[in-house]
Amino acid sequence: MVEICGYLKKHTEALVKDVGIEAACQATGKSKATLGRYYSDHAEHKDRFIPVDTVAKLEAVSSFPHVTSALADLKNISLSYDERKPNAPDSGGVNADVIALSQRFAMLMAEYQQAMEDGVITINEAKRLLRETSQLQQVLIDMKLHLEEEGV
C-alpha cells in the first residue's frame, strides 16, 4: 500500500507541475499549500490525496492525464487517445471498418517488418508498434460498435 501511495503522490505532483502551480490554483480554487499537501511525502500528509473532482479539473487543462494514467497502470489497464472528433460524421459503417482494419493491419505488419530487419526491436520501434496496435484496436472497437448497431 505504501508503494501505491507514493506512486499516486508522484503522479499528482507531475499533474500539478504540468499545469503550473498558479494555473492549478486558479483551475481548482485550491491554495498552493492545499495542492502541495496532496503530493507531499511528509508523514503528516501521508493519508491526504487529491479529490477526484480536482483531478478532473486539472487534467482538463493539462497536457497529459497523469493521475488517470497512474490509476490505470495500477489496474493493468491501458489508455489510448482518440484524436477523432466525437461529433464527426460516421465513417461509413462496417464496410469502411473492414477496409480500415486491413489498412491498419498492413501498417502494423510494415512497422514490424522494419523493426525486425536487424533482429532487435528498439524502444522507438516498440513505441511505433504500440501506436499502430492502438490504432488497430480503435478500428476494431469502431467495427464492434457498428456491428452492434446493425444487430439491434
Protein backbone atom coordinates (compact mmCIF):
# COMPACT_ATOMS: atom_id res chain seq x y z
CA MET A 1 0.00 0.00 0.00
CA VAL A 2 2.89 2.36 0.74
CA GLU A 3 4.17 1.89 -2.82
CA ILE A 4 0.74 2.75 -4.25
CA CYS A 5 0.51 5.89 -2.12
CA GLY A 6 3.91 7.11 -3.25
CA TYR A 7 3.09 6.30 -6.87
CA LEU A 8 -0.14 8.30 -6.76
CA LYS A 9 1.50 11.23 -4.97
CA LYS A 10 4.30 11.29 -7.56
CA HIS A 11 1.77 11.47 -10.39
CA THR A 12 -0.28 14.08 -8.55
CA GLU A 13 2.83 16.22 -8.33
CA ALA A 14 3.51 15.69 -12.03
CA LEU A 15 -0.05 16.82 -12.82
CA VAL A 16 0.19 19.99 -10.74
CA LYS A 17 3.59 20.85 -12.20
CA ASP A 18 2.35 20.13 -15.72
CA VAL A 19 -0.42 22.70 -15.29
CA GLY A 20 1.73 25.07 -13.23
CA ILE A 21 1.05 25.84 -9.60
CA GLU A 22 -0.59 29.23 -10.21
CA ALA A 23 -2.80 27.91 -13.01
CA ALA A 24 -3.63 24.83 -10.91
CA CYS A 25 -4.79 27.06 -8.07
CA GLN A 26 -6.97 29.03 -10.47
CA ALA A 27 -8.42 25.92 -12.13
CA THR A 28 -9.29 24.21 -8.85
CA GLY A 29 -9.95 27.05 -6.42
CA LYS A 30 -7.40 25.46 -4.05
CA SER A 31 -4.41 27.16 -2.44
CA LYS A 32 -0.78 26.33 -3.18
CA ALA A 33 -0.49 24.82 0.29
CA THR A 34 -3.50 22.55 -0.22
CA LEU A 35 -2.29 21.34 -3.60
CA GLY A 36 1.16 20.78 -2.12
CA ARG A 37 -0.29 18.61 0.64
CA TYR A 38 -1.84 16.30 -1.95
CA TYR A 39 1.59 15.25 -3.19
CA SER A 40 3.64 15.78 -0.05
CA ASP A 41 5.51 12.72 1.23
CA HIS A 42 5.75 14.09 4.78
CA ALA A 43 4.28 11.81 7.45
CA GLU A 44 1.62 14.34 8.43
CA HIS A 45 0.19 14.28 4.87
CA LYS A 46 0.59 10.58 4.07
CA ASP A 47 -3.18 9.94 4.17
CA ARG A 48 -4.13 13.03 2.18
CA PHE A 49 -4.85 12.53 -1.53
CA ILE A 50 -6.20 14.75 -4.25
CA PRO A 51 -10.00 14.59 -4.68
CA VAL A 52 -11.24 13.14 -7.96
CA ASP A 53 -13.08 16.34 -8.94
CA THR A 54 -9.84 18.27 -8.53
CA VAL A 55 -8.05 15.70 -10.70
CA ALA A 56 -10.71 16.15 -13.39
CA LYS A 57 -10.33 19.94 -13.32
CA LEU A 58 -6.55 19.75 -13.57
CA GLU A 59 -6.46 17.05 -16.24
CA ALA A 60 -8.86 19.11 -18.34
CA VAL A 61 -6.14 21.76 -18.69
CA SER A 62 -3.02 19.55 -18.53
CA SER A 63 -1.01 18.14 -21.41
CA PHE A 64 -1.40 14.57 -20.10
CA PRO A 65 -3.79 12.78 -17.70
CA HIS A 66 -1.10 11.95 -15.13
CA VAL A 67 -3.30 10.69 -12.28
CA THR A 68 -5.79 8.88 -14.51
CA SER A 69 -2.89 7.17 -16.25
CA ALA A 70 -1.38 6.17 -12.89
CA LEU A 71 -4.69 4.68 -11.73
CA ALA A 72 -5.00 2.77 -15.00
CA ASP A 73 -1.44 1.46 -14.59
CA LEU A 74 -2.27 0.17 -11.12
CA LYS A 75 -5.10 -1.93 -12.58
CA ASN A 76 -3.09 -3.03 -15.65
CA ILE A 77 -5.38 -1.04 -17.92
CA SER A 78 -4.04 0.78 -20.94
CA LEU A 79 -5.35 4.13 -22.09
CA SER A 80 -5.24 5.43 -25.61
CA TYR A 81 -6.03 8.77 -27.17
CA ASP A 82 -8.76 9.00 -29.75
CA GLU A 83 -7.90 12.12 -31.71
CA ARG A 84 -11.05 11.92 -33.79
CA LYS A 85 -13.75 14.47 -33.22
CA PRO A 86 -16.61 12.96 -31.18
CA ASN A 87 -19.25 14.69 -33.31
CA ALA A 88 -17.65 13.89 -36.67
CA PRO A 89 -19.83 12.27 -39.31
CA ASP A 90 -19.96 8.46 -39.27
CA SER A 91 -17.12 6.72 -41.07
CA GLY A 92 -19.35 4.60 -43.29
CA GLY A 93 -20.24 1.57 -41.22
CA VAL A 94 -18.92 -1.96 -41.25
CA ASN A 95 -17.66 -1.92 -44.85
CA ALA A 96 -15.48 1.10 -44.16
CA ASP A 97 -14.33 -0.55 -40.93
CA VAL A 98 -13.20 -3.68 -42.79
CA ILE A 99 -11.16 -1.55 -45.20
CA ALA A 100 -9.66 0.47 -42.32
CA LEU A 101 -8.91 -2.76 -40.46
CA SER A 102 -6.96 -4.22 -43.37
CA GLN A 103 -5.08 -0.95 -43.90
CA ARG A 104 -4.14 -0.66 -40.21
CA PHE A 105 -3.06 -4.30 -40.06
CA ALA A 106 -0.88 -3.77 -43.13
CA MET A 107 0.69 -0.73 -41.46
CA LEU A 108 1.35 -2.74 -38.30
CA MET A 109 3.00 -5.52 -40.29
CA ALA A 110 5.13 -3.00 -42.19
CA GLU A 111 6.30 -1.47 -38.90
CA TYR A 112 7.03 -4.93 -37.52
CA GLN A 113 8.98 -5.98 -40.62
CA GLN A 114 11.03 -2.77 -40.49
CA ALA A 115 11.67 -3.24 -36.75
CA MET A 116 12.84 -6.83 -37.22
CA GLU A 117 15.31 -6.10 -40.06
CA ASP A 118 18.21 -6.09 -37.62
CA GLY A 119 16.65 -8.71 -35.32
CA VAL A 120 16.20 -6.27 -32.42
CA ILE A 121 13.19 -4.11 -31.58
CA THR A 122 14.45 -0.80 -30.21
CA ILE A 123 12.48 1.40 -27.82
CA ASN A 124 11.44 3.75 -30.62
CA GLU A 125 10.40 0.82 -32.80
CA ALA A 126 8.39 -0.61 -29.91
CA LYS A 127 6.66 2.76 -29.46
CA ARG A 128 5.73 2.83 -33.16
CA LEU A 129 4.43 -0.74 -32.93
CA LEU A 130 2.41 0.15 -29.86
CA ARG A 131 0.96 3.21 -31.61
CA GLU A 132 -0.09 1.09 -34.60
CA THR A 133 -1.52 -1.59 -32.31
CA SER A 134 -3.60 1.05 -30.51
CA GLN A 135 -4.88 2.38 -33.84
CA LEU A 136 -5.78 -1.15 -34.91
CA GLN A 137 -7.59 -1.64 -31.60
CA GLN A 138 -9.61 1.55 -32.18
CA VAL A 139 -10.70 0.32 -35.61
CA LEU A 140 -11.84 -2.95 -34.03
CA ILE A 141 -13.82 -1.05 -31.40
CA ASP A 142 -15.48 1.05 -34.11
CA MET A 143 -16.28 -2.10 -36.05
CA LYS A 144 -17.77 -3.75 -32.96
CA LEU A 145 -19.97 -0.71 -32.32
CA HIS A 146 -21.16 -0.66 -35.93
CA LEU A 147 -21.94 -4.36 -35.84
CA GLU A 148 -23.88 -3.94 -32.61
CA GLU A 149 -25.82 -1.04 -34.19
CA GLU A 150 -26.76 -3.17 -37.18
CA GLY A 151 -27.70 -6.13 -34.98
CA VAL A 152 -30.16 -4.14 -32.90
